[in-house]
C-alpha atoms as a PDB file:
ATOM      1  CA  MET A   1      42.530 118.194  50.329  1.00  0.00           C
ATOM      2  CA  GLU A   2      41.955 114.453  50.573  1.00  0.00           C
ATOM      3  CA  MET A   3      39.094 113.305  48.368  1.00  0.00           C
ATOM      4  CA  THR A   4      36.703 110.798  49.910  1.00  0.00           C
ATOM      5  CA  ASP A   5      33.853 108.737  48.499  1.00  0.00           C
ATOM      6  CA  GLU A   6      31.408 111.312  49.853  1.00  0.00           C
ATOM      7  CA  THR A   7      33.147 114.445  48.557  1.00  0.00           C
ATOM      8  CA  MET A   8      34.222 113.153  45.169  1.00  0.00           C
ATOM      9  CA  GLU A   9      31.644 114.107  42.559  1.00  0.00           C
ATOM     10  CA  VAL A  10      32.536 113.404  38.932  1.00  0.00           C
ATOM     11  CA  ASP A  11      29.213 112.267  37.530  1.00  0.00           C
ATOM     12  CA  ALA A  12      28.102 115.535  35.936  1.00  0.00           C
ATOM     13  CA  GLU A  13      26.899 115.110  32.356  1.00  0.00           C
ATOM     14  CA  ILE A  14      29.474 116.593  30.017  1.00  0.00           C
ATOM     15  CA  ASN A  15      30.426 116.459  26.376  1.00  0.00           C
ATOM     16  CA  PRO A  16      33.246 113.898  26.334  1.00  0.00           C
ATOM     17  CA  GLN A  17      36.251 114.320  24.080  1.00  0.00           C
ATOM     18  CA  PRO A  18      36.251 111.263  21.819  1.00  0.00           C
ATOM     19  CA  ALA A  19      39.589 109.650  21.218  1.00  0.00           C
ATOM     20  CA  GLN A  20      39.375 110.242  17.462  1.00  0.00           C
ATOM     21  CA  GLU A  21      39.878 113.956  18.037  1.00  0.00           C
ATOM     22  CA  PHE A  22      43.436 113.150  19.016  1.00  0.00           C
ATOM     23  CA  GLY A  23      44.223 111.225  15.841  1.00  0.00           C
ATOM     24  CA  HIS A  24      46.862 113.745  14.793  1.00  0.00           C
ATOM     25  CA  ALA A  25      48.934 112.680  17.793  1.00  0.00           C
ATOM     26  CA  GLN A  26      49.767 109.406  16.019  1.00  0.00           C
ATOM     27  CA  ALA A  27      51.939 111.315  13.555  1.00  0.00           C
ATOM     28  CA  THR A  28      54.347 112.213  16.367  1.00  0.00           C
ATOM     29  CA  LEU A  29      54.196 108.861  18.133  1.00  0.00           C
ATOM     30  CA  THR A  30      57.564 107.740  16.776  1.00  0.00           C
ATOM     31  CA  SER A  31      59.196 110.763  18.400  1.00  0.00           C
ATOM     32  CA  ALA A  32      57.304 110.342  21.672  1.00  0.00           C
ATOM     33  CA  PRO A  33      59.517 110.368  24.758  1.00  0.00           C
ATOM     34  CA  SER A  34      60.721 107.071  26.184  1.00  0.00           C
ATOM     35  CA  ARG A  35      60.040 106.194  29.782  1.00  0.00           C
ATOM     36  CA  ASP A  36      63.423 107.676  30.739  1.00  0.00           C
ATOM     37  CA  ASN A  37      62.469 111.112  29.377  1.00  0.00           C
ATOM     38  CA  PHE A  38      58.783 111.108  30.342  1.00  0.00           C
ATOM     39  CA  ARG A  39      58.217 113.058  33.518  1.00  0.00           C
ATOM     40  CA  ASP A  40      56.106 110.848  35.774  1.00  0.00           C
ATOM     41  CA  ILE A  41      52.795 112.303  36.942  1.00  0.00           C
ATOM     42  CA  GLN A  42      51.721 111.960  40.564  1.00  0.00           C
ATOM     43  CA  VAL A  43      48.010 111.294  41.052  1.00  0.00           C
ATOM     44  CA  LYS A  44      45.466 110.248  43.636  1.00  0.00           C
ATOM     45  CA  VAL A  45      43.695 107.126  42.400  1.00  0.00           C
ATOM     46  CA  HIS A  46      40.024 106.199  42.872  1.00  0.00           C
ATOM     47  CA  ILE A  47      38.164 103.259  41.352  1.00  0.00           C
ATOM     48  CA  ARG A  48      34.464 102.570  40.860  1.00  0.00           C
ATOM     49  CA  ARG A  49      33.758  98.923  40.198  1.00  0.00           C
ATOM     50  CA  PRO A  50      30.914  97.597  38.004  1.00  0.00           C
ATOM     51  CA  GLU A  51      27.411  98.050  39.441  1.00  0.00           C
ATOM     52  CA  ARG A  52      28.786 100.191  42.278  1.00  0.00           C
ATOM     53  CA  ASP A  53      27.849 103.821  42.805  1.00  0.00           C
ATOM     54  CA  SER A  54      30.615 104.954  45.141  1.00  0.00           C
ATOM     55  CA  TRP A  55      34.283 105.601  44.505  1.00  0.00           C
ATOM     56  CA  VAL A  56      36.949 103.770  46.517  1.00  0.00           C
ATOM     57  CA  TYR A  57      40.253 105.498  47.235  1.00  0.00           C
ATOM     58  CA  MET A  58      43.194 103.317  46.148  1.00  0.00           C
ATOM     59  CA  GLY A  59      46.029 105.565  47.288  1.00  0.00           C
ATOM     60  CA  ARG A  60      48.660 107.690  45.602  1.00  0.00           C
ATOM     61  CA  GLY A  61      49.937 106.591  42.222  1.00  0.00           C
ATOM     62  CA  LEU A  62      52.638 107.396  39.708  1.00  0.00           C
ATOM     63  CA  VAL A  63      51.715 107.520  36.022  1.00  0.00           C
ATOM     64  CA  THR A  64      54.353 106.530  33.471  1.00  0.00           C
ATOM     65  CA  GLN A  65      54.179 106.428  29.673  1.00  0.00           C
ATOM     66  CA  GLU A  66      56.179 103.554  28.215  1.00  0.00           C
ATOM     67  CA  VAL A  67      57.005 103.623  24.498  1.00  0.00           C
ATOM     68  CA  ALA A  68      57.938 100.557  22.458  1.00  0.00           C
ATOM     69  CA  GLY A  69      58.370 101.022  18.716  1.00  0.00           C
ATOM     70  CA  HIS A  70      55.219 102.588  17.253  1.00  0.00           C
ATOM     71  CA  SER A  71      53.030 101.982  20.270  1.00  0.00           C
ATOM     72  CA  SER A  72      52.913 103.100  23.865  1.00  0.00           C
ATOM     73  CA  ARG A  73      51.055 102.361  27.054  1.00  0.00           C
ATOM     74  CA  VAL A  74      50.228 104.269  30.224  1.00  0.00           C
ATOM     75  CA  VAL A  75      51.013 102.467  33.479  1.00  0.00           C
ATOM     76  CA  VAL A  76      49.722 103.501  36.914  1.00  0.00           C
ATOM     77  CA  ARG A  77      51.794 102.198  39.835  1.00  0.00           C
ATOM     78  CA  THR A  78      51.500 102.685  43.581  1.00  0.00           C
ATOM     79  CA  VAL A  79      53.953 105.243  44.946  1.00  0.00           C
ATOM     80  CA  SER A  80      54.806 103.155  47.999  1.00  0.00           C
ATOM     81  CA  THR A  81      55.531  99.737  46.436  1.00  0.00           C
ATOM     82  CA  GLY A  82      55.660 100.279  42.669  1.00  0.00           C
ATOM     83  CA  LYS A  83      52.937  97.654  42.177  1.00  0.00           C
ATOM     84  CA  VAL A  84      50.962  98.068  38.944  1.00  0.00           C
ATOM     85  CA  MET A  85      47.393  99.277  39.587  1.00  0.00           C
ATOM     86  CA  THR A  86      46.236  99.419  35.979  1.00  0.00           C
ATOM     87  CA  VAL A  87      47.474  99.766  32.396  1.00  0.00           C
ATOM     88  CA  PHE A  88      45.903 101.668  29.489  1.00  0.00           C
ATOM     89  CA  SER A  89      46.950 100.791  25.938  1.00  0.00           C
ATOM     90  CA  GLU A  90      45.708 100.477  22.360  1.00  0.00           C
ATOM     91  CA  THR A  91      43.911  97.251  23.327  1.00  0.00           C
ATOM     92  CA  SER A  92      41.835  99.078  25.968  1.00  0.00           C
ATOM     93  CA  ASP A  93      38.187  99.901  25.224  1.00  0.00           C
ATOM     94  CA  LEU A  94      37.934 103.171  27.079  1.00  0.00           C
ATOM     95  CA  GLN A  95      36.794 106.766  27.092  1.00  0.00           C
ATOM     96  CA  ALA A  96      38.854 109.399  28.917  1.00  0.00           C
ATOM     97  CA  GLU A  97      37.352 112.687  30.090  1.00  0.00           C
ATOM     98  CA  LYS A  98      38.793 115.716  31.874  1.00  0.00           C
ATOM     99  CA  ARG A  99      36.769 117.030  34.809  1.00  0.00           C
ATOM    100  CA  GLY A 100      38.601 119.785  36.624  1.00  0.00           C
ATOM    101  CA  ASN A 101      41.891 118.283  37.793  1.00  0.00           C
ATOM    102  CA  PHE A 102      40.485 114.768  37.410  1.00  0.00           C
ATOM    103  CA  VAL A 103      40.878 112.478  34.414  1.00  0.00           C
ATOM    104  CA  VAL A 104      38.044 109.938  34.539  1.00  0.00           C
ATOM    105  CA  ILE A 105      38.580 106.806  32.442  1.00  0.00           C
ATOM    106  CA  GLY A 106      35.641 104.518  31.746  1.00  0.00           C
ATOM    107  CA  CYS A 107      36.926 101.062  30.725  1.00  0.00           C
ATOM    108  CA  VAL A 108      34.387  98.850  28.970  1.00  0.00           C
ATOM    109  CA  GLU A 109      34.615  95.092  29.512  1.00  0.00           C
ATOM    110  CA  GLY A 110      31.700  93.509  27.684  1.00  0.00           C
ATOM    111  CA  SER A 111      28.617  95.203  29.157  1.00  0.00           C
ATOM    112  CA  ARG A 112      30.414  96.258  32.353  1.00  0.00           C
ATOM    113  CA  VAL A 113      32.212  99.517  33.088  1.00  0.00           C
ATOM    114  CA  ILE A 114      35.166  99.897  35.430  1.00  0.00           C
ATOM    115  CA  SER A 115      35.911 103.556  36.117  1.00  0.00           C
ATOM    116  CA  TRP A 116      39.244 104.986  37.175  1.00  0.00           C
ATOM    117  CA  SER A 117      39.718 108.534  38.443  1.00  0.00           C
ATOM    118  CA  LEU A 118      43.200 110.040  38.400  1.00  0.00           C
ATOM    119  CA  ASN A 119      43.471 113.317  40.316  1.00  0.00           C
ATOM    120  CA  ALA A 120      46.545 115.285  39.183  1.00  0.00           C
ATOM    121  CA  LEU A 121      48.190 118.154  41.052  1.00  0.00           C
ATOM    122  CA  ASN A 122      47.186 120.944  38.654  1.00  0.00           C
ATOM    123  CA  ASN A 123      45.562 121.711  35.303  1.00  0.00           C
ATOM    124  CA  SER A 124      48.813 121.425  33.352  1.00  0.00           C
ATOM    125  CA  GLU A 125      49.525 117.935  34.711  1.00  0.00           C
ATOM    126  CA  THR A 126      45.899 116.932  34.076  1.00  0.00           C
ATOM    127  CA  LEU A 127      46.120 117.947  30.402  1.00  0.00           C
ATOM    128  CA  ARG A 128      49.432 116.107  30.026  1.00  0.00           C
ATOM    129  CA  LEU A 129      47.887 113.011  31.617  1.00  0.00           C
ATOM    130  CA  LEU A 130      44.862 113.111  29.309  1.00  0.00           C
ATOM    131  CA  ALA A 131      47.074 113.540  26.229  1.00  0.00           C
ATOM    132  CA  SER A 132      49.237 110.581  27.287  1.00  0.00           C
ATOM    133  CA  ILE A 133      46.207 108.312  27.671  1.00  0.00           C
ATOM    134  CA  GLU A 134      44.699 109.413  24.355  1.00  0.00           C
ATOM    135  CA  LEU A 135      48.029 108.926  22.586  1.00  0.00           C
ATOM    136  CA  ALA A 136      48.502 105.429  24.014  1.00  0.00           C
ATOM    137  CA  CYS A 137      44.930 104.270  23.379  1.00  0.00           C
ATOM    138  CA  TYR A 138      44.127 105.779  19.977  1.00  0.00           C
ATOM    139  CA  ARG A 139      43.759 102.904  17.510  1.00  0.00           C
ATOM    140  CA  ALA A 140      45.528 104.413  14.519  1.00  0.00           C
ATOM    141  CA  LYS A 141      45.920 101.119  12.636  1.00  0.00           C
ATOM    142  CA  GLN A 142      42.235 100.271  12.930  1.00  0.00           C
ATOM    143  CA  ALA A 143      41.222 103.828  11.978  1.00  0.00           C
ATOM    144  CA  LEU A 144      43.328 103.637   8.797  1.00  0.00           C
ATOM    145  CA  VAL A 145      42.494 100.072   7.766  1.00  0.00           C
ATOM    146  CA  ASP A 146      38.757 100.126   8.571  1.00  0.00           C
ATOM    147  CA  PRO A 147      37.422 103.597   9.559  1.00  0.00           C
ATOM    148  CA  ARG A 148      33.846 102.278   9.693  1.00  0.00           C
ATOM    149  CA  LEU A 149      34.731  99.539  12.167  1.00  0.00           C
ATOM    150  CA  HIS A 150      36.722 102.055  14.204  1.00  0.00           C
ATOM    151  CA  SER A 151      33.752 104.454  14.414  1.00  0.00           C
ATOM    152  CA  LYS A 152      31.422 101.583  15.297  1.00  0.00           C
ATOM    153  CA  ALA A 153      33.717 100.514  18.146  1.00  0.00           C
ATOM    154  CA  ARG A 154      33.898 104.089  19.486  1.00  0.00           C
ATOM    155  CA  ARG A 155      30.104 104.416  19.405  1.00  0.00           C
ATOM    156  CA  ARG A 156      29.704 101.120  21.274  1.00  0.00           C
ATOM    157  CA  ILE A 157      32.085 102.270  24.024  1.00  0.00           C
ATOM    158  CA  GLU A 158      30.246 105.591  24.365  1.00  0.00           C
ATOM    159  CA  ARG A 159      26.855 103.824  24.442  1.00  0.00           C
ATOM    160  CA  VAL A 160      27.863 101.355  27.179  1.00  0.00           C
ATOM    161  CA  ILE A 161      29.352 104.135  29.331  1.00  0.00           C
ATOM    162  CA  LYS A 162      26.300 106.350  28.853  1.00  0.00           C
ATOM    163  CA  GLU A 163      23.937 103.514  29.811  1.00  0.00           C
ATOM    164  CA  ASP A 164      26.028 102.747  32.901  1.00  0.00           C
ATOM    165  CA  ARG A 165      25.784 106.420  33.905  1.00  0.00           C
ATOM    166  CA  ARG A 166      22.005 106.394  33.406  1.00  0.00           C
ATOM    167  CA  ARG A 167      21.645 103.334  35.650  1.00  0.00           C
ATOM    168  CA  ARG A 168      23.709 104.924  38.405  1.00  0.00           C
ATOM    169  CA  HIS A 169      21.765 108.185  38.245  1.00  0.00           C
ATOM    170  CA  ARG A 170      18.484 106.239  38.327  1.00  0.00           C
ATOM    171  CA  ARG A 171      19.596 104.309  41.415  1.00  0.00           C
ATOM    172  CA  ARG A 172      20.625 107.561  43.076  1.00  0.00           C
ATOM    173  CA  LYS A 173      17.249 109.180  42.366  1.00  0.00           C
ATOM    174  CA  ASP A 174      15.389 106.120  43.678  1.00  0.00           C
ATOM    175  CA  GLN A 175      17.480 106.180  46.842  1.00  0.00           C
ATOM    176  CA  GLU A 176      16.835 109.910  47.388  1.00  0.00           C
ATOM    177  CA  ALA A 177      13.104 109.372  46.838  1.00  0.00           C
ATOM    178  CA  MET A 178      13.060 106.610  49.470  1.00  0.00           C
ATOM    179  CA  ILE A 179      14.849 108.850  51.975  1.00  0.00           C
ATOM    180  CA  ASP A 180      12.383 111.700  51.309  1.00  0.00           C
ATOM    181  CA  ALA A 181       9.401 109.370  51.697  1.00  0.00           C
ATOM    182  CA  PHE A 182      10.753 108.011  54.958  1.00  0.00           C
ATOM    183  CA  ALA A 183      11.378 111.528  56.316  1.00  0.00           C
ATOM    184  CA  LYS A 184       7.791 112.554  55.560  1.00  0.00           C
ATOM    185  CA  GLN A 185       6.268 109.657  57.453  1.00  0.00           C
ATOM    186  CA  LYS A 186       4.518 110.687  60.683  1.00  0.00           C
ATOM    187  CA  LEU A 187       6.066 108.537  63.328  1.00  0.00           C
ATOM    188  CA  SER A 188       4.160 108.053  66.580  1.00  0.00           C
ATOM    189  CA  THR A 189       5.465 110.194  69.419  1.00  0.00           C
ATOM    190  CA  GLU A 190       3.626 108.254  72.126  1.00  0.00           C
ATOM    191  CA  PRO A 191       6.062 106.750  74.646  1.00  0.00           C
ATOM    192  CA  MET A 192       6.135 102.971  74.684  1.00  0.00           C
ATOM    193  CA  ALA A 193       5.874 101.061  77.945  1.00  0.00           C
ATOM    194  CA  VAL A 194       9.311  99.648  78.669  1.00  0.00           C
ATOM    195  CA  GLU A 195       9.939  97.045  81.295  1.00  0.00           C
ATOM    196  CA  ALA A 196      12.610  98.151  83.719  1.00  0.00           C
ATOM    197  CA  GLY A 197      15.858  96.275  83.484  1.00  0.00           C
ATOM    198  CA  PRO A 198      18.948  95.971  85.657  1.00  0.00           C
ATOM    199  CA  PRO A 199      20.857  99.196  86.350  1.00  0.00           C
ATOM    200  CA  GLY A 200      23.234 100.156  83.585  1.00  0.00           C
ATOM    201  CA  GLU A 201      21.318  98.487  80.742  1.00  0.00           C
END
């Protein structure tokens, strides 16, 4: 079923899986599959831009994991043209969460949040997609060299994303309250005198 802005609902409060839980994946990074061996994942791609409350459908995408030495990155390209939509790597400040067959990625840029939603075909593909993103974006070097700085950075990302979610939920509640208030208003049912116009108008 095609997901639209109206039907897509991924804002439920959940307990996110922090990237540090996947730290053990770094031990197997050197044996991670190259792009040639990685089975691409087909997804439907939505984006929610900063200060926006609705999702915009971007089309069908193909997710690839590209490995270079001891690091990797996840690339999302359009199926039709192969154009790069977005890239997730160790330099990305993000938090990835699984919600049904969706992987929702909140990318923090300063105080702004750009959200990507990748809708995989089934639960197995969704888990594989989430693991690929966590593997590519887990900052193993920073965690080893300065664990305190690493934890501080993770907390900042979580805080910015949580505050962005609060603002969106607040705007939604305010909008619903305005609609309710408008619906309760008693509008006059008296017919207004209308001057007759030409036929057909």
